[in-house]
């Protein structure tokens, strides 16, 4: 997930290009020395599990990858991108 655009003032200090990665289905990795706003994170978290699975090309979630932060002053837009695939054994996750 990457900050794609900021149309207002960055209240939380994020910049275009800031990102985090989700690994092993549930681990959020933020680069050392960086941060990510909890409100922007809260906006995107409900969508991440669906984007982690294979999506049919006709599924709206495969086309709609832009998510807005709820802070109207920032007009921050984030983009969900799959940068790799990993096979996990369900027994290791539950």
PDB file of N, CA and C in Angstrom:
ATOM      1  N   UNK A   1       0.840  -1.158   0.000  1.00  0.00           N
ATOM      2  CA  UNK A   1       0.000   0.000   0.000  1.00  0.00           C
ATOM      3  C   UNK A   1       0.889   1.224   0.000  1.00  0.00           C
ATOM      4  N   UNK A   2       0.616   2.127  -0.935  1.00  0.00           N
ATOM      5  CA  UNK A   2       1.451   3.306  -1.134  1.00  0.00           C
ATOM      6  C   UNK A   2       0.594   4.568  -1.149  1.00  0.00           C
ATOM      7  N   UNK A   3       1.115   5.640  -0.558  1.00  0.00           N
ATOM      8  CA  UNK A   3       0.451   6.936  -0.667  1.00  0.00           C
ATOM      9  C   UNK A   3       0.647   7.405  -2.112  1.00  0.00           C
ATOM     10  N   UNK A   4      -0.457   7.548  -2.834  1.00  0.00           N
ATOM     11  CA  UNK A   4      -0.401   7.895  -4.254  1.00  0.00           C
ATOM     12  C   UNK A   4      -0.534   9.395  -4.497  1.00  0.00           C
ATOM     13  N   UNK A   5      -1.260  10.069  -3.613  1.00  0.00           N
ATOM     14  CA  UNK A   5      -1.556  11.487  -3.873  1.00  0.00           C
ATOM     15  C   UNK A   5      -1.968  12.161  -2.571  1.00  0.00           C
ATOM     16  N   UNK A   6      -1.603  13.417  -2.426  1.00  0.00           N
ATOM     17  CA  UNK A   6      -2.075  14.239  -1.308  1.00  0.00           C
ATOM     18  C   UNK A   6      -2.568  15.539  -1.919  1.00  0.00           C
ATOM     19  N   UNK A   7      -3.873  15.770  -1.856  1.00  0.00           N
ATOM     20  CA  UNK A   7      -4.464  16.945  -2.481  1.00  0.00           C
ATOM     21  C   UNK A   7      -4.595  18.138  -1.558  1.00  0.00           C
ATOM     22  N   UNK A   8      -4.327  17.941  -0.272  1.00  0.00           N
ATOM     23  CA  UNK A   8      -4.422  19.018   0.707  1.00  0.00           C
ATOM     24  C   UNK A   8      -3.119  19.122   1.474  1.00  0.00           C
ATOM     25  N   UNK A   9      -3.229  19.474   2.739  1.00  0.00           N
ATOM     26  CA  UNK A   9      -2.023  19.555   3.566  1.00  0.00           C
ATOM     27  C   UNK A   9      -1.858  18.260   4.342  1.00  0.00           C
ATOM     28  N   UNK A  10      -0.660  17.778   4.430  1.00  0.00           N
ATOM     29  CA  UNK A  10      -0.397  16.506   5.101  1.00  0.00           C
ATOM     30  C   UNK A  10      -0.334  16.714   6.605  1.00  0.00           C
ATOM     31  N   UNK A  11      -1.464  16.581   7.253  1.00  0.00           N
ATOM     32  CA  UNK A  11      -1.567  16.777   8.702  1.00  0.00           C
ATOM     33  C   UNK A  11      -0.770  15.714   9.454  1.00  0.00           C
ATOM     34  N   UNK A  12      -0.797  14.482   8.974  1.00  0.00           N
ATOM     35  CA  UNK A  12      -0.164  13.370   9.690  1.00  0.00           C
ATOM     36  C   UNK A  12       1.308  13.186   9.325  1.00  0.00           C
ATOM     37  N   UNK A  13       1.801  13.934   8.353  1.00  0.00           N
ATOM     38  CA  UNK A  13       3.209  13.850   8.001  1.00  0.00           C
ATOM     39  C   UNK A  13       3.550  12.826   6.935  1.00  0.00           C
ATOM     40  N   UNK A  14       2.552  12.162   6.373  1.00  0.00           N
ATOM     41  CA  UNK A  14       2.827  11.230   5.282  1.00  0.00           C
ATOM     42  C   UNK A  14       3.170  12.009   4.018  1.00  0.00           C
ATOM     43  N   UNK A  15       3.927  11.368   3.137  1.00  0.00           N
ATOM     44  CA  UNK A  15       4.306  11.967   1.868  1.00  0.00           C
ATOM     45  C   UNK A  15       3.982  10.986   0.751  1.00  0.00           C
ATOM     46  N   UNK A  16       3.795  11.502  -0.459  1.00  0.00           N
ATOM     47  CA  UNK A  16       3.588  10.639  -1.615  1.00  0.00           C
ATOM     48  C   UNK A  16       4.775   9.679  -1.698  1.00  0.00           C
ATOM     49  N   UNK A  17       4.474   8.413  -1.871  1.00  0.00           N
ATOM     50  CA  UNK A  17       5.514   7.385  -1.936  1.00  0.00           C
ATOM     51  C   UNK A  17       5.689   6.620  -0.638  1.00  0.00           C
ATOM     52  N   UNK A  18       5.218   7.181   0.498  1.00  0.00           N
ATOM     53  CA  UNK A  18       5.279   6.417   1.749  1.00  0.00           C
ATOM     54  C   UNK A  18       4.443   5.158   1.594  1.00  0.00           C
ATOM     55  N   UNK A  19       4.849   4.090   2.260  1.00  0.00           N
ATOM     56  CA  UNK A  19       4.155   2.820   2.069  1.00  0.00           C
ATOM     57  C   UNK A  19       4.305   1.903   3.279  1.00  0.00           C
ATOM     58  N   UNK A  20       3.513   0.852   3.265  1.00  0.00           N
ATOM     59  CA  UNK A  20       3.732  -0.288   4.147  1.00  0.00           C
ATOM     60  C   UNK A  20       3.424  -1.535   3.339  1.00  0.00           C
ATOM     61  N   UNK A  21       3.925  -2.667   3.800  1.00  0.00           N
ATOM     62  CA  UNK A  21       3.681  -3.942   3.142  1.00  0.00           C
ATOM     63  C   UNK A  21       2.990  -4.876   4.120  1.00  0.00           C
ATOM     64  N   UNK A  22       2.177  -5.763   3.586  1.00  0.00           N
ATOM     65  CA  UNK A  22       1.567  -6.826   4.376  1.00  0.00           C
ATOM     66  C   UNK A  22       2.245  -8.116   3.955  1.00  0.00           C
ATOM     67  N   UNK A  23       2.828  -8.821   4.920  1.00  0.00           N
ATOM     68  CA  UNK A  23       3.512 -10.075   4.640  1.00  0.00           C
ATOM     69  C   UNK A  23       2.881 -11.191   5.467  1.00  0.00           C
ATOM     70  N   UNK A  24       3.025 -12.402   5.004  1.00  0.00           N
ATOM     71  CA  UNK A  24       2.525 -13.592   5.699  1.00  0.00           C
ATOM     72  C   UNK A  24       1.077 -13.416   6.131  1.00  0.00           C
ATOM     73  N   UNK A  25       0.298 -12.795   5.313  1.00  0.00           N
ATOM     74  CA  UNK A  25      -1.146 -12.571   5.421  1.00  0.00           C
ATOM     75  C   UNK A  25      -1.579 -11.600   6.509  1.00  0.00           C
ATOM     76  N   UNK A  26      -0.738 -11.313   7.511  1.00  0.00           N
ATOM     77  CA  UNK A  26      -1.227 -10.476   8.605  1.00  0.00           C
ATOM     78  C   UNK A  26      -0.183  -9.558   9.234  1.00  0.00           C
ATOM     79  N   UNK A  27       1.012  -9.520   8.698  1.00  0.00           N
ATOM     80  CA  UNK A  27       2.068  -8.697   9.304  1.00  0.00           C
ATOM     81  C   UNK A  27       2.252  -7.407   8.518  1.00  0.00           C
ATOM     82  N   UNK A  28       2.132  -6.287   9.195  1.00  0.00           N
ATOM     83  CA  UNK A  28       2.343  -4.991   8.565  1.00  0.00           C
ATOM     84  C   UNK A  28       3.791  -4.584   8.794  1.00  0.00           C
ATOM     85  N   UNK A  29       4.483  -4.302   7.699  1.00  0.00           N
ATOM     86  CA  UNK A  29       5.890  -3.918   7.760  1.00  0.00           C
ATOM     87  C   UNK A  29       6.012  -2.482   7.240  1.00  0.00           C
ATOM     88  N   UNK A  30       6.523  -1.605   8.097  1.00  0.00           N
ATOM     89  CA  UNK A  30       6.752  -0.205   7.743  1.00  0.00           C
ATOM     90  C   UNK A  30       8.267  -0.011   7.705  1.00  0.00           C
ATOM     91  N   UNK A  31       8.810   0.640   6.679  1.00  0.00           N
ATOM     92  CA  UNK A  31      10.257   0.835   6.609  1.00  0.00           C
ATOM     93  C   UNK A  31      10.803   1.503   7.872  1.00  0.00           C
ATOM     94  N   UNK A  32      12.013   1.129   8.231  1.00  0.00           N
ATOM     95  CA  UNK A  32      12.667   1.678   9.418  1.00  0.00           C
ATOM     96  C   UNK A  32      12.715   3.198   9.348  1.00  0.00           C
ATOM     97  N   UNK A  33      12.386   3.832  10.455  1.00  0.00           N
ATOM     98  CA  UNK A  33      12.426   5.284  10.539  1.00  0.00           C
ATOM     99  C   UNK A  33      11.201   5.980   9.967  1.00  0.00           C
ATOM    100  N   UNK A  34      10.248   5.211   9.438  1.00  0.00           N
ATOM    101  CA  UNK A  34       9.023   5.778   8.865  1.00  0.00           C
ATOM    102  C   UNK A  34       7.852   5.516   9.805  1.00  0.00           C
ATOM    103  N   UNK A  35       6.719   6.076   9.483  1.00  0.00           N
ATOM    104  CA  UNK A  35       5.493   5.851  10.256  1.00  0.00           C
ATOM    105  C   UNK A  35       4.329   5.740   9.277  1.00  0.00           C
ATOM    106  N   UNK A  36       3.179   5.381   9.798  1.00  0.00           N
ATOM    107  CA  UNK A  36       1.967   5.416   8.985  1.00  0.00           C
ATOM    108  C   UNK A  36       0.820   5.830   9.881  1.00  0.00           C
ATOM    109  N   UNK A  37       0.040   6.776   9.428  1.00  0.00           N
ATOM    110  CA  UNK A  37      -1.064   7.343  10.199  1.00  0.00           C
ATOM    111  C   UNK A  37      -2.101   6.266  10.530  1.00  0.00           C
ATOM    112  N   UNK A  38      -2.523   6.193  11.778  1.00  0.00           N
ATOM    113  CA  UNK A  38      -3.489   5.163  12.167  1.00  0.00           C
ATOM    114  C   UNK A  38      -4.856   5.378  11.523  1.00  0.00           C
ATOM    115  N   UNK A  39      -5.201   6.601  11.184  1.00  0.00           N
ATOM    116  CA  UNK A  39      -6.504   6.858  10.561  1.00  0.00           C
ATOM    117  C   UNK A  39      -6.498   6.430   9.091  1.00  0.00           C
ATOM    118  N   UNK A  40      -5.395   6.690   8.403  1.00  0.00           N
ATOM    119  CA  UNK A  40      -5.257   6.196   7.028  1.00  0.00           C
ATOM    120  C   UNK A  40      -5.224   4.668   7.040  1.00  0.00           C
ATOM    121  N   UNK A  41      -4.518   4.110   7.990  1.00  0.00           N
ATOM    122  CA  UNK A  41      -4.436   2.651   8.130  1.00  0.00           C
ATOM    123  C   UNK A  41      -5.814   2.051   8.398  1.00  0.00           C
ATOM    124  N   UNK A  42      -6.587   2.700   9.255  1.00  0.00           N
ATOM    125  CA  UNK A  42      -7.933   2.206   9.575  1.00  0.00           C
ATOM    126  C   UNK A  42      -8.840   2.206   8.347  1.00  0.00           C
ATOM    127  N   UNK A  43      -8.630   3.157   7.437  1.00  0.00           N
ATOM    128  CA  UNK A  43      -9.455   3.223   6.227  1.00  0.00           C
ATOM    129  C   UNK A  43      -9.149   2.077   5.279  1.00  0.00           C
ATOM    130  N   UNK A  44      -7.929   1.622   5.256  1.00  0.00           N
ATOM    131  CA  UNK A  44      -7.520   0.618   4.283  1.00  0.00           C
ATOM    132  C   UNK A  44      -7.571  -0.812   4.822  1.00  0.00           C
ATOM    133  N   UNK A  45      -7.465  -0.990   6.126  1.00  0.00           N
ATOM    134  CA  UNK A  45      -7.421  -2.345   6.705  1.00  0.00           C
ATOM    135  C   UNK A  45      -8.587  -3.252   6.302  1.00  0.00           C
ATOM    136  N   UNK A  46      -9.826  -2.779   6.269  1.00  0.00           N
ATOM    137  CA  UNK A  46     -10.921  -3.694   5.914  1.00  0.00           C
ATOM    138  C   UNK A  46     -10.826  -4.240   4.491  1.00  0.00           C
ATOM    139  N   UNK A  47     -10.101  -3.562   3.618  1.00  0.00           N
ATOM    140  CA  UNK A  47     -10.004  -3.985   2.220  1.00  0.00           C
ATOM    141  C   UNK A  47      -8.843  -4.927   1.946  1.00  0.00           C
ATOM    142  N   UNK A  48      -7.847  -4.942   2.817  1.00  0.00           N
ATOM    143  CA  UNK A  48      -6.645  -5.724   2.553  1.00  0.00           C
ATOM    144  C   UNK A  48      -6.884  -7.231   2.431  1.00  0.00           C
ATOM    145  N   UNK A  49      -7.683  -7.872   3.291  1.00  0.00           N
ATOM    146  CA  UNK A  49      -7.861  -9.322   3.140  1.00  0.00           C
ATOM    147  C   UNK A  49      -8.401  -9.730   1.772  1.00  0.00           C
ATOM    148  N   UNK A  50      -9.324  -8.985   1.234  1.00  0.00           N
ATOM    149  CA  UNK A  50      -9.856  -9.326  -0.091  1.00  0.00           C
ATOM    150  C   UNK A  50      -8.797  -9.159  -1.170  1.00  0.00           C
ATOM    151  N   UNK A  51      -7.982  -8.135  -1.060  1.00  0.00           N
ATOM    152  CA  UNK A  51      -6.942  -7.889  -2.059  1.00  0.00           C
ATOM    153  C   UNK A  51      -5.797  -8.888  -1.961  1.00  0.00           C
ATOM    154  N   UNK A  52      -5.719  -9.615  -0.861  1.00  0.00           N
ATOM    155  CA  UNK A  52      -4.674 -10.623  -0.713  1.00  0.00           C
ATOM    156  C   UNK A  52      -5.028 -11.918  -1.446  1.00  0.00           C
ATOM    157  N   UNK A  53      -6.252 -12.069  -1.854  1.00  0.00           N
ATOM    158  CA  UNK A  53      -6.682 -13.278  -2.534  1.00  0.00           C
ATOM    159  C   UNK A  53      -6.736 -13.041  -4.041  1.00  0.00           C
ATOM    160  N   UNK A  54      -6.747 -14.143  -4.776  1.00  0.00           N
ATOM    161  CA  UNK A  54      -6.906 -14.036  -6.231  1.00  0.00           C
ATOM    162  C   UNK A  54      -8.305 -13.498  -6.515  1.00  0.00           C
ATOM    163  N   UNK A  55      -8.379 -12.456  -7.314  1.00  0.00           N
ATOM    164  CA  UNK A  55      -9.655 -11.835  -7.636  1.00  0.00           C
ATOM    165  C   UNK A  55      -9.986 -12.063  -9.103  1.00  0.00           C
ATOM    166  N   UNK A  56     -11.244 -12.294  -9.369  1.00  0.00           N
ATOM    167  CA  UNK A  56     -11.707 -12.410 -10.743  1.00  0.00           C
ATOM    168  C   UNK A  56     -11.567 -11.036 -11.405  1.00  0.00           C
ATOM    169  N   UNK A  57     -11.131 -10.985 -12.662  1.00  0.00           N
ATOM    170  CA  UNK A  57     -10.992  -9.682 -13.335  1.00  0.00           C
ATOM    171  C   UNK A  57     -12.291  -8.877 -13.372  1.00  0.00           C
ATOM    172  N   UNK A  58     -13.439  -9.549 -13.283  1.00  0.00           N
ATOM    173  CA  UNK A  58     -14.720  -8.839 -13.292  1.00  0.00           C
ATOM    174  C   UNK A  58     -15.100  -8.312 -11.908  1.00  0.00           C
ATOM    175  N   UNK A  59     -14.399  -8.725 -10.882  1.00  0.00           N
ATOM    176  CA  UNK A  59     -14.681  -8.273  -9.514  1.00  0.00           C
ATOM    177  C   UNK A  59     -14.278  -6.804  -9.382  1.00  0.00           C
ATOM    178  N   UNK A  60     -15.159  -5.983  -8.828  1.00  0.00           N
ATOM    179  CA  UNK A  60     -14.880  -4.550  -8.705  1.00  0.00           C
ATOM    180  C   UNK A  60     -13.618  -4.288  -7.901  1.00  0.00           C
ATOM    181  N   UNK A  61     -13.284  -5.162  -6.969  1.00  0.00           N
ATOM    182  CA  UNK A  61     -12.100  -4.937  -6.139  1.00  0.00           C
ATOM    183  C   UNK A  61     -10.805  -5.078  -6.933  1.00  0.00           C
ATOM    184  N   UNK A  62     -10.853  -5.802  -8.050  1.00  0.00           N
ATOM    185  CA  UNK A  62      -9.641  -5.925  -8.862  1.00  0.00           C
ATOM    186  C   UNK A  62      -9.364  -4.627  -9.631  1.00  0.00           C
ATOM    187  N   UNK A  63     -10.375  -3.798  -9.793  1.00  0.00           N
ATOM    188  CA  UNK A  63     -10.235  -2.535 -10.529  1.00  0.00           C
ATOM    189  C   UNK A  63     -10.133  -1.321  -9.608  1.00  0.00           C
ATOM    190  N   UNK A  64     -10.801  -1.367  -8.482  1.00  0.00           N
ATOM    191  CA  UNK A  64     -10.806  -0.227  -7.554  1.00  0.00           C
ATOM    192  C   UNK A  64      -9.708  -0.419  -6.511  1.00  0.00           C
ATOM    193  N   UNK A  65      -8.589   0.225  -6.734  1.00  0.00           N
ATOM    194  CA  UNK A  65      -7.445   0.049  -5.839  1.00  0.00           C
ATOM    195  C   UNK A  65      -7.083   1.325  -5.093  1.00  0.00           C
ATOM    196  N   UNK A  66      -7.844   2.394  -5.307  1.00  0.00           N
ATOM    197  CA  UNK A  66      -7.569   3.664  -4.635  1.00  0.00           C
ATOM    198  C   UNK A  66      -8.491   3.840  -3.435  1.00  0.00           C
ATOM    199  N   UNK A  67      -7.914   4.227  -2.315  1.00  0.00           N
ATOM    200  CA  UNK A  67      -8.665   4.386  -1.069  1.00  0.00           C
ATOM    201  C   UNK A  67      -8.332   5.753  -0.486  1.00  0.00           C
ATOM    202  N   UNK A  68      -9.341   6.465  -0.025  1.00  0.00           N
ATOM    203  CA  UNK A  68      -9.139   7.798   0.551  1.00  0.00           C
ATOM    204  C   UNK A  68      -9.021   7.713   2.060  1.00  0.00           C
ATOM    205  N   UNK A  69      -8.114   8.503   2.598  1.00  0.00           N
ATOM    206  CA  UNK A  69      -8.018   8.677   4.045  1.00  0.00           C
ATOM    207  C   UNK A  69      -9.257   9.456   4.491  1.00  0.00           C
ATOM    208  N   UNK A  70      -9.768   9.210   5.688  1.00  0.00           N
ATOM    209  CA  UNK A  70     -10.982   9.904   6.123  1.00  0.00           C
ATOM    210  C   UNK A  70     -10.795  11.375   6.486  1.00  0.00           C
ATOM    211  N   UNK A  71      -9.553  11.870   6.549  1.00  0.00           N
ATOM    212  CA  UNK A  71      -9.328  13.269   6.917  1.00  0.00           C
ATOM    213  C   UNK A  71      -9.563  14.169   5.698  1.00  0.00           C
ATOM    214  N   UNK A  72     -10.628  14.978   5.718  1.00  0.00           N
ATOM    215  CA  UNK A  72     -10.946  15.795   4.541  1.00  0.00           C
ATOM    216  C   UNK A  72      -9.922  16.903   4.269  1.00  0.00           C
ATOM    217  N   UNK A  73      -9.153  17.303   5.271  1.00  0.00           N
ATOM    218  CA  UNK A  73      -8.138  18.348   5.072  1.00  0.00           C
ATOM    219  C   UNK A  73      -6.980  17.856   4.219  1.00  0.00           C
ATOM    220  N   UNK A  74      -6.678  16.551   4.317  1.00  0.00           N
ATOM    221  CA  UNK A  74      -5.515  16.016   3.614  1.00  0.00           C
ATOM    222  C   UNK A  74      -5.813  15.614   2.172  1.00  0.00           C
ATOM    223  N   UNK A  75      -6.991  15.033   1.968  1.00  0.00           N
ATOM    224  CA  UNK A  75      -7.333  14.471   0.659  1.00  0.00           C
ATOM    225  C   UNK A  75      -6.225  13.514   0.198  1.00  0.00           C
ATOM    226  N   UNK A  76      -5.831  12.645   1.135  1.00  0.00           N
ATOM    227  CA  UNK A  76      -4.775  11.671   0.896  1.00  0.00           C
ATOM    228  C   UNK A  76      -5.367  10.434   0.220  1.00  0.00           C
ATOM    229  N   UNK A  77      -4.764  10.000  -0.868  1.00  0.00           N
ATOM    230  CA  UNK A  77      -5.223   8.837  -1.615  1.00  0.00           C
ATOM    231  C   UNK A  77      -4.143   7.767  -1.538  1.00  0.00           C
ATOM    232  N   UNK A  78      -4.549   6.560  -1.175  1.00  0.00           N
ATOM    233  CA  UNK A  78      -3.637   5.425  -1.085  1.00  0.00           C
ATOM    234  C   UNK A  78      -3.976   4.421  -2.178  1.00  0.00           C
ATOM    235  N   UNK A  79      -2.970   3.672  -2.607  1.00  0.00           N
ATOM    236  CA  UNK A  79      -3.179   2.670  -3.647  1.00  0.00           C
ATOM    237  C   UNK A  79      -2.721   1.305  -3.145  1.00  0.00           C
ATOM    238  N   UNK A  80      -3.614   0.316  -3.280  1.00  0.00           N
ATOM    239  CA  UNK A  80      -3.268  -1.057  -2.944  1.00  0.00           C
ATOM    240  C   UNK A  80      -2.665  -1.705  -4.186  1.00  0.00           C
ATOM    241  N   UNK A  81      -1.482  -2.255  -4.038  1.00  0.00           N
ATOM    242  CA  UNK A  81      -0.823  -2.943  -5.141  1.00  0.00           C
ATOM    243  C   UNK A  81      -0.276  -4.282  -4.645  1.00  0.00           C
ATOM    244  N   UNK A  82      -0.464  -5.309  -5.445  1.00  0.00           N
ATOM    245  CA  UNK A  82       0.145  -6.598  -5.128  1.00  0.00           C
ATOM    246  C   UNK A  82       1.549  -6.573  -5.721  1.00  0.00           C
ATOM    247  N   UNK A  83       2.561  -6.777  -4.870  1.00  0.00           N
ATOM    248  CA  UNK A  83       3.940  -6.747  -5.353  1.00  0.00           C
ATOM    249  C   UNK A  83       4.556  -8.139  -5.389  1.00  0.00           C
ATOM    250  N   UNK A  84       3.806  -9.127  -4.953  1.00  0.00           N
ATOM    251  CA  UNK A  84       4.304 -10.496  -4.974  1.00  0.00           C
ATOM    252  C   UNK A  84       3.224 -11.446  -4.506  1.00  0.00           C
ATOM    253  N   UNK A  85       3.492 -12.713  -4.687  1.00  0.00           N
ATOM    254  CA  UNK A  85       2.566 -13.759  -4.234  1.00  0.00           C
ATOM    255  C   UNK A  85       3.312 -14.722  -3.340  1.00  0.00           C
ATOM    256  N   UNK A  86       2.600 -15.243  -2.357  1.00  0.00           N
ATOM    257  CA  UNK A  86       3.193 -16.186  -1.428  1.00  0.00           C
ATOM    258  C   UNK A  86       2.150 -17.234  -1.091  1.00  0.00           C
ATOM    259  N   UNK A  87       2.534 -18.473  -1.102  1.00  0.00           N
ATOM    260  CA  UNK A  87       1.623 -19.559  -0.727  1.00  0.00           C
ATOM    261  C   UNK A  87       1.838 -19.864   0.753  1.00  0.00           C
ATOM    262  N   UNK A  88       0.756 -19.865   1.509  1.00  0.00           N
ATOM    263  CA  UNK A  88       0.819 -20.165   2.935  1.00  0.00           C
ATOM    264  C   UNK A  88      -0.072 -21.365   3.228  1.00  0.00           C
ATOM    265  N   UNK A  89       0.349 -22.185   4.159  1.00  0.00           N
ATOM    266  CA  UNK A  89      -0.445 -23.320   4.607  1.00  0.00           C
ATOM    267  C   UNK A  89      -1.445 -22.808   5.644  1.00  0.00           C
ATOM    268  N   UNK A  90      -2.720 -23.052   5.426  1.00  0.00           N
ATOM    269  CA  UNK A  90      -3.765 -22.560   6.339  1.00  0.00           C
ATOM    270  C   UNK A  90      -3.544 -23.067   7.764  1.00  0.00           C
ATOM    271  N   UNK A  91      -2.976 -24.239   7.927  1.00  0.00           N
ATOM    272  CA  UNK A  91      -2.718 -24.773   9.277  1.00  0.00           C
ATOM    273  C   UNK A  91      -1.711 -23.923  10.044  1.00  0.00           C
ATOM    274  N   UNK A  92      -0.860 -23.205   9.330  1.00  0.00           N
ATOM    275  CA  UNK A  92       0.113 -22.337   9.982  1.00  0.00           C
ATOM    276  C   UNK A  92      -0.497 -21.016  10.425  1.00  0.00           C
ATOM    277  N   UNK A  93      -1.691 -20.695   9.933  1.00  0.00           N
ATOM    278  CA  UNK A  93      -2.312 -19.403  10.200  1.00  0.00           C
ATOM    279  C   UNK A  93      -3.403 -19.456  11.262  1.00  0.00           C
ATOM    280  N   UNK A  94      -3.968 -20.613  11.501  1.00  0.00           N
ATOM    281  CA  UNK A  94      -5.084 -20.678  12.458  1.00  0.00           C
ATOM    282  C   UNK A  94      -4.804 -21.630  13.585  1.00  0.00           C
TER     283      UNK A  94
END
